[in-house]
């Protein structure tokens, strides 16, 4: 069984950084709850753990940016239509629809779309 885990960037009122745990919703707000604490997070930054790790053993979350041997950089997303995670390059438009442990051993988490948007711009500038 895969671990159900979310992360979200803390609302400035709760300090900088990321919180990890279960996702709670209340109106327009999102909260990450862990060990009895409940931290308000920025809704757009919430991402679920894919259940996979990169070549260094780091957990891969929705919103992470990964890079492989071929130098292509991908952003991790989730598709409601296929009920699955995917990895998408900005340019050229390439999608790895099936993420599995066999292929992730070649990739490394190098950042995320919220803290490191310049990593996606780098893909556009270099043509993928």
N, C-alpha and C. Protein backbone atom coordinates (compact mmCIF):
# COMPACT_ATOMS: atom_id res chain seq x y z
N UNK A 1 0.85 -1.17 0.00
CA UNK A 1 0.00 0.00 0.00
C UNK A 1 0.89 1.24 0.00
N UNK A 2 0.55 2.22 -0.82
CA UNK A 2 1.37 3.41 -0.90
C UNK A 2 0.97 4.42 0.16
N UNK A 3 1.95 5.16 0.61
CA UNK A 3 1.74 6.16 1.65
C UNK A 3 0.98 7.36 1.08
N UNK A 4 -0.08 7.79 1.75
CA UNK A 4 -0.82 8.97 1.35
C UNK A 4 -0.25 10.15 2.14
N UNK A 5 0.39 11.05 1.43
CA UNK A 5 1.08 12.17 2.05
C UNK A 5 0.98 13.38 1.14
N UNK A 6 0.79 14.54 1.75
CA UNK A 6 0.72 15.79 1.00
C UNK A 6 1.77 16.75 1.55
N UNK A 7 2.08 17.74 0.74
CA UNK A 7 2.92 18.83 1.22
C UNK A 7 2.32 20.14 0.70
N UNK A 8 2.58 21.20 1.42
CA UNK A 8 2.13 22.52 1.01
C UNK A 8 3.04 23.56 1.61
N UNK A 9 3.22 24.65 0.87
CA UNK A 9 4.05 25.75 1.35
C UNK A 9 3.24 26.54 2.37
N UNK A 10 3.85 26.75 3.53
CA UNK A 10 3.14 27.42 4.63
C UNK A 10 2.73 28.84 4.26
N UNK A 11 1.54 29.19 4.71
CA UNK A 11 1.08 30.57 4.63
C UNK A 11 2.05 31.41 5.45
N UNK A 12 2.37 32.60 4.99
CA UNK A 12 3.37 33.45 5.65
C UNK A 12 3.11 33.67 7.15
N UNK A 13 1.86 33.60 7.55
CA UNK A 13 1.53 33.75 8.97
C UNK A 13 2.12 32.64 9.83
N UNK A 14 2.47 31.51 9.17
CA UNK A 14 2.99 30.36 9.90
C UNK A 14 4.48 30.12 9.63
N UNK A 15 5.15 31.12 9.07
CA UNK A 15 6.58 31.00 8.81
C UNK A 15 6.86 30.45 7.42
N UNK A 16 8.12 30.43 7.07
CA UNK A 16 8.53 29.93 5.75
C UNK A 16 8.65 28.42 5.76
N UNK A 17 8.71 27.85 4.58
CA UNK A 17 8.96 26.42 4.46
C UNK A 17 7.74 25.62 4.06
N UNK A 18 7.91 24.32 4.12
CA UNK A 18 6.90 23.37 3.70
C UNK A 18 6.41 22.56 4.89
N UNK A 19 5.14 22.19 4.84
CA UNK A 19 4.57 21.28 5.83
C UNK A 19 4.18 19.99 5.11
N UNK A 20 4.33 18.87 5.82
CA UNK A 20 4.04 17.55 5.26
C UNK A 20 3.06 16.82 6.17
N UNK A 21 2.07 16.16 5.58
CA UNK A 21 1.11 15.40 6.37
C UNK A 21 -0.16 15.15 5.58
N UNK A 22 -1.27 15.08 6.29
CA UNK A 22 -2.57 14.86 5.66
C UNK A 22 -3.18 16.18 5.25
N UNK A 23 -3.94 16.18 4.17
CA UNK A 23 -4.57 17.39 3.67
C UNK A 23 -5.96 17.55 4.28
N UNK A 24 -6.23 18.75 4.75
CA UNK A 24 -7.55 19.11 5.28
C UNK A 24 -8.02 20.34 4.50
N UNK A 25 -9.33 20.40 4.24
CA UNK A 25 -9.90 21.54 3.52
C UNK A 25 -10.93 22.22 4.40
N UNK A 26 -10.95 23.54 4.32
CA UNK A 26 -11.95 24.32 5.05
C UNK A 26 -12.23 25.59 4.29
N UNK A 27 -13.36 25.65 3.59
CA UNK A 27 -13.68 26.83 2.78
C UNK A 27 -12.64 27.00 1.69
N UNK A 28 -12.07 28.21 1.62
CA UNK A 28 -11.03 28.50 0.63
C UNK A 28 -9.64 28.15 1.12
N UNK A 29 -9.55 27.58 2.31
CA UNK A 29 -8.25 27.31 2.92
C UNK A 29 -7.89 25.83 2.81
N UNK A 30 -6.57 25.58 2.83
CA UNK A 30 -6.05 24.23 2.86
C UNK A 30 -5.10 24.13 4.05
N UNK A 31 -5.16 23.00 4.73
CA UNK A 31 -4.34 22.78 5.92
C UNK A 31 -3.60 21.46 5.78
N UNK A 32 -2.38 21.42 6.29
CA UNK A 32 -1.64 20.18 6.38
C UNK A 32 -1.59 19.83 7.86
N UNK A 33 -2.08 18.65 8.18
CA UNK A 33 -2.10 18.23 9.58
C UNK A 33 -1.10 17.10 9.78
N UNK A 34 -0.34 17.24 10.87
CA UNK A 34 0.69 16.26 11.19
C UNK A 34 0.91 16.27 12.69
N UNK A 35 0.79 15.13 13.31
CA UNK A 35 1.05 14.97 14.76
C UNK A 35 0.27 15.98 15.61
N UNK A 36 -0.99 16.17 15.27
CA UNK A 36 -1.83 17.04 16.07
C UNK A 36 -1.80 18.50 15.69
N UNK A 37 -0.82 18.94 14.90
CA UNK A 37 -0.79 20.34 14.47
C UNK A 37 -1.46 20.47 13.11
N UNK A 38 -2.01 21.63 12.86
CA UNK A 38 -2.70 21.89 11.60
C UNK A 38 -2.21 23.24 11.10
N UNK A 39 -1.46 23.24 9.99
CA UNK A 39 -0.84 24.45 9.47
C UNK A 39 -1.55 24.88 8.20
N UNK A 40 -1.90 26.16 8.12
CA UNK A 40 -2.52 26.72 6.92
C UNK A 40 -1.45 26.84 5.84
N UNK A 41 -1.76 26.33 4.63
CA UNK A 41 -0.82 26.37 3.52
C UNK A 41 -1.44 27.09 2.32
N UNK A 42 -0.61 27.52 1.40
CA UNK A 42 -1.07 28.19 0.19
C UNK A 42 -1.68 27.12 -0.73
N UNK A 43 -2.98 27.22 -1.04
CA UNK A 43 -3.68 26.16 -1.77
C UNK A 43 -3.00 25.75 -3.08
N UNK A 44 -2.45 26.71 -3.84
CA UNK A 44 -1.84 26.40 -5.13
C UNK A 44 -0.58 25.56 -5.00
N UNK A 45 -0.01 25.50 -3.81
CA UNK A 45 1.25 24.77 -3.62
C UNK A 45 1.06 23.34 -3.13
N UNK A 46 -0.17 22.96 -2.85
CA UNK A 46 -0.43 21.62 -2.31
C UNK A 46 -0.17 20.57 -3.41
N UNK A 47 0.60 19.55 -3.04
CA UNK A 47 0.89 18.46 -3.96
C UNK A 47 0.94 17.14 -3.21
N UNK A 48 0.54 16.08 -3.89
CA UNK A 48 0.51 14.76 -3.27
C UNK A 48 1.79 14.00 -3.59
N UNK A 49 2.22 13.19 -2.66
CA UNK A 49 3.35 12.28 -2.84
C UNK A 49 2.97 11.23 -3.87
N UNK A 50 3.82 11.01 -4.86
CA UNK A 50 3.53 10.06 -5.93
C UNK A 50 3.69 8.61 -5.52
N UNK A 51 4.35 8.38 -4.40
CA UNK A 51 4.66 7.02 -3.99
C UNK A 51 6.00 6.55 -4.54
N UNK A 52 6.69 7.43 -5.27
CA UNK A 52 7.97 7.10 -5.90
C UNK A 52 9.09 7.94 -5.32
N UNK A 53 10.31 7.44 -5.46
CA UNK A 53 11.49 8.20 -5.06
C UNK A 53 12.42 8.32 -6.26
N UNK A 54 13.28 9.35 -6.20
CA UNK A 54 14.24 9.56 -7.29
C UNK A 54 15.48 8.70 -7.07
N UNK A 55 16.50 8.89 -7.90
CA UNK A 55 17.70 8.06 -7.82
C UNK A 55 18.46 8.24 -6.51
N UNK A 56 18.18 9.33 -5.77
CA UNK A 56 18.83 9.58 -4.50
C UNK A 56 17.96 9.20 -3.30
N UNK A 57 16.79 8.63 -3.58
CA UNK A 57 15.88 8.24 -2.50
C UNK A 57 14.97 9.35 -2.01
N UNK A 58 14.96 10.51 -2.69
CA UNK A 58 14.08 11.62 -2.32
C UNK A 58 12.66 11.35 -2.81
N UNK A 59 11.68 11.63 -1.97
CA UNK A 59 10.28 11.47 -2.37
C UNK A 59 9.97 12.42 -3.52
N UNK A 60 9.14 11.94 -4.45
CA UNK A 60 8.71 12.77 -5.58
C UNK A 60 7.26 13.17 -5.36
N UNK A 61 7.03 14.50 -5.33
CA UNK A 61 5.71 15.06 -5.10
C UNK A 61 5.20 15.73 -6.37
N UNK A 62 3.89 15.83 -6.48
CA UNK A 62 3.26 16.62 -7.52
C UNK A 62 3.82 18.04 -7.39
N UNK A 63 4.26 18.62 -8.50
CA UNK A 63 4.86 19.96 -8.48
C UNK A 63 6.38 19.94 -8.46
N UNK A 64 6.97 18.77 -8.27
CA UNK A 64 8.44 18.68 -8.31
C UNK A 64 8.94 18.78 -9.74
N UNK A 65 10.18 19.18 -9.86
CA UNK A 65 10.86 19.23 -11.15
C UNK A 65 11.97 18.19 -11.09
N UNK A 66 11.97 17.30 -12.09
CA UNK A 66 12.96 16.23 -12.12
C UNK A 66 13.79 16.36 -13.39
N UNK A 67 15.00 15.83 -13.32
CA UNK A 67 15.90 15.85 -14.47
C UNK A 67 16.53 14.49 -14.62
N UNK A 68 16.66 14.04 -15.86
CA UNK A 68 17.24 12.74 -16.14
C UNK A 68 18.57 12.83 -16.86
N UNK A 69 19.09 11.69 -17.22
CA UNK A 69 20.37 11.61 -17.91
C UNK A 69 20.38 12.37 -19.23
N UNK A 70 19.24 12.36 -19.93
CA UNK A 70 19.17 13.01 -21.23
C UNK A 70 19.06 14.53 -21.12
N UNK A 71 19.16 15.06 -19.91
CA UNK A 71 19.13 16.50 -19.62
C UNK A 71 17.76 17.14 -19.76
N UNK A 72 16.74 16.38 -20.14
CA UNK A 72 15.39 16.93 -20.20
C UNK A 72 14.89 17.16 -18.78
N UNK A 73 14.15 18.23 -18.60
CA UNK A 73 13.59 18.57 -17.30
C UNK A 73 12.07 18.44 -17.39
N UNK A 74 11.47 17.81 -16.39
CA UNK A 74 10.04 17.55 -16.38
C UNK A 74 9.41 18.06 -15.09
N UNK A 75 8.17 18.53 -15.20
CA UNK A 75 7.38 18.90 -14.03
C UNK A 75 6.39 17.77 -13.77
N UNK A 76 6.25 17.39 -12.52
CA UNK A 76 5.33 16.31 -12.13
C UNK A 76 3.94 16.89 -11.93
N UNK A 77 2.95 16.23 -12.52
CA UNK A 77 1.56 16.67 -12.39
C UNK A 77 0.65 15.49 -12.14
N UNK A 78 -0.63 15.78 -12.00
CA UNK A 78 -1.63 14.75 -11.79
C UNK A 78 -2.76 14.97 -12.78
N UNK A 79 -3.24 13.93 -13.40
CA UNK A 79 -4.35 14.01 -14.35
C UNK A 79 -5.60 13.38 -13.76
N UNK A 80 -6.65 14.16 -13.63
CA UNK A 80 -7.92 13.61 -13.17
C UNK A 80 -8.48 12.64 -14.21
N UNK A 81 -8.23 12.92 -15.49
CA UNK A 81 -8.77 12.10 -16.57
C UNK A 81 -8.23 10.67 -16.52
N UNK A 82 -6.94 10.53 -16.20
CA UNK A 82 -6.34 9.19 -16.15
C UNK A 82 -6.13 8.70 -14.73
N UNK A 83 -6.45 9.55 -13.76
CA UNK A 83 -6.26 9.24 -12.35
C UNK A 83 -4.83 8.76 -12.09
N UNK A 84 -3.88 9.53 -12.63
CA UNK A 84 -2.49 9.15 -12.43
C UNK A 84 -1.54 10.33 -12.55
N UNK A 85 -0.35 10.14 -12.06
CA UNK A 85 0.69 11.15 -12.14
C UNK A 85 1.40 11.06 -13.49
N UNK A 86 1.96 12.17 -13.93
CA UNK A 86 2.72 12.20 -15.17
C UNK A 86 3.89 13.16 -15.01
N UNK A 87 4.83 13.08 -15.94
CA UNK A 87 5.96 14.00 -15.98
C UNK A 87 5.92 14.68 -17.34
N UNK A 88 5.90 16.02 -17.36
CA UNK A 88 5.74 16.76 -18.60
C UNK A 88 6.89 17.74 -18.81
N UNK A 89 7.52 17.66 -19.98
CA UNK A 89 8.55 18.62 -20.36
C UNK A 89 7.85 19.85 -20.93
N UNK A 90 8.43 21.04 -20.68
CA UNK A 90 7.85 22.26 -21.23
C UNK A 90 8.05 22.29 -22.74
N UNK A 91 9.25 22.12 -23.19
CA UNK A 91 9.58 22.06 -24.62
C UNK A 91 10.63 20.99 -24.83
N UNK A 92 10.60 20.20 -25.82
CA UNK A 92 9.41 20.00 -26.65
C UNK A 92 8.31 19.36 -25.82
N UNK A 93 7.10 19.42 -26.30
CA UNK A 93 5.96 18.88 -25.55
C UNK A 93 6.05 17.37 -25.45
N UNK A 94 6.72 16.89 -24.44
CA UNK A 94 6.83 15.45 -24.20
C UNK A 94 6.20 15.13 -22.87
N UNK A 95 5.50 14.04 -22.83
CA UNK A 95 4.87 13.61 -21.58
C UNK A 95 5.24 12.15 -21.32
N UNK A 96 5.66 11.88 -20.09
CA UNK A 96 5.87 10.51 -19.65
C UNK A 96 4.64 10.13 -18.85
N UNK A 97 3.64 9.49 -19.47
CA UNK A 97 2.37 9.26 -18.78
C UNK A 97 2.43 8.26 -17.65
N UNK A 98 3.28 7.28 -17.73
CA UNK A 98 3.34 6.26 -16.70
C UNK A 98 4.64 6.38 -15.93
N UNK A 99 4.54 6.90 -14.75
CA UNK A 99 5.72 6.99 -13.90
C UNK A 99 5.81 5.71 -13.10
N UNK A 100 6.95 5.07 -13.13
CA UNK A 100 7.11 3.89 -12.31
C UNK A 100 8.50 3.85 -11.70
N UNK A 101 8.66 2.99 -10.75
CA UNK A 101 9.91 2.93 -10.01
C UNK A 101 11.08 2.55 -10.92
N UNK A 102 10.81 1.82 -11.98
CA UNK A 102 11.86 1.43 -12.91
C UNK A 102 12.48 2.61 -13.63
N UNK A 103 11.65 3.58 -14.02
CA UNK A 103 12.19 4.74 -14.73
C UNK A 103 12.67 5.84 -13.79
N UNK A 104 12.10 5.95 -12.61
CA UNK A 104 12.49 7.03 -11.71
C UNK A 104 13.91 6.87 -11.17
N UNK A 105 14.47 5.69 -11.25
CA UNK A 105 15.84 5.49 -10.77
C UNK A 105 16.85 6.26 -11.62
N UNK A 106 16.40 6.77 -12.76
CA UNK A 106 17.28 7.55 -13.64
C UNK A 106 17.08 9.06 -13.46
N UNK A 107 16.12 9.46 -12.66
CA UNK A 107 15.79 10.87 -12.49
C UNK A 107 16.16 11.38 -11.11
N UNK A 108 16.30 12.70 -11.03
CA UNK A 108 16.66 13.35 -9.78
C UNK A 108 15.77 14.56 -9.57
N UNK A 109 15.23 14.74 -8.36
CA UNK A 109 14.45 15.93 -8.04
C UNK A 109 15.45 17.09 -7.92
N UNK A 110 15.23 18.14 -8.72
CA UNK A 110 16.13 19.29 -8.70
C UNK A 110 15.46 20.56 -8.17
N UNK A 111 14.18 20.48 -7.84
CA UNK A 111 13.46 21.63 -7.31
C UNK A 111 11.97 21.39 -7.45
N UNK A 112 11.23 22.50 -7.37
CA UNK A 112 9.78 22.40 -7.56
C UNK A 112 9.28 23.66 -8.26
N UNK A 113 8.08 23.59 -8.81
CA UNK A 113 7.56 24.69 -9.63
C UNK A 113 7.26 25.95 -8.82
N UNK A 114 7.17 25.84 -7.51
CA UNK A 114 6.84 26.99 -6.67
C UNK A 114 8.08 27.75 -6.22
N UNK A 115 9.14 27.03 -5.85
CA UNK A 115 10.37 27.66 -5.38
C UNK A 115 11.37 27.90 -6.51
N UNK A 116 11.27 27.14 -7.58
CA UNK A 116 12.28 27.18 -8.64
C UNK A 116 11.67 27.27 -10.04
N UNK A 117 10.79 28.23 -10.30
CA UNK A 117 10.17 28.32 -11.63
C UNK A 117 11.20 28.55 -12.74
N UNK A 118 12.35 29.09 -12.38
CA UNK A 118 13.40 29.33 -13.38
C UNK A 118 13.89 28.03 -14.00
N UNK A 119 13.74 26.91 -13.30
CA UNK A 119 14.15 25.63 -13.86
C UNK A 119 13.28 25.24 -15.05
N UNK A 120 12.01 25.65 -15.03
CA UNK A 120 11.14 25.40 -16.18
C UNK A 120 11.47 26.34 -17.32
N UNK A 121 11.82 27.59 -17.00
CA UNK A 121 12.23 28.55 -18.02
C UNK A 121 13.49 28.07 -18.73
N UNK A 122 14.37 27.43 -17.99
CA UNK A 122 15.61 26.88 -18.56
C UNK A 122 15.28 25.86 -19.64
N UNK A 123 14.24 25.08 -19.44
CA UNK A 123 13.83 24.10 -20.44
C UNK A 123 13.39 24.81 -21.71
N UNK A 124 12.64 25.90 -21.56
CA UNK A 124 12.15 26.66 -22.73
C UNK A 124 13.34 27.27 -23.47
N UNK A 125 14.27 27.88 -22.74
CA UNK A 125 15.42 28.54 -23.37
C UNK A 125 16.33 27.55 -24.08
N UNK A 126 16.51 26.38 -23.53
CA UNK A 126 17.42 25.40 -24.11
C UNK A 126 16.71 24.43 -25.07
N UNK A 127 15.42 24.60 -25.21
CA UNK A 127 14.68 23.74 -26.14
C UNK A 127 14.46 22.33 -25.66
N UNK A 128 14.49 22.13 -24.33
CA UNK A 128 14.18 20.82 -23.77
C UNK A 128 15.39 20.00 -23.61
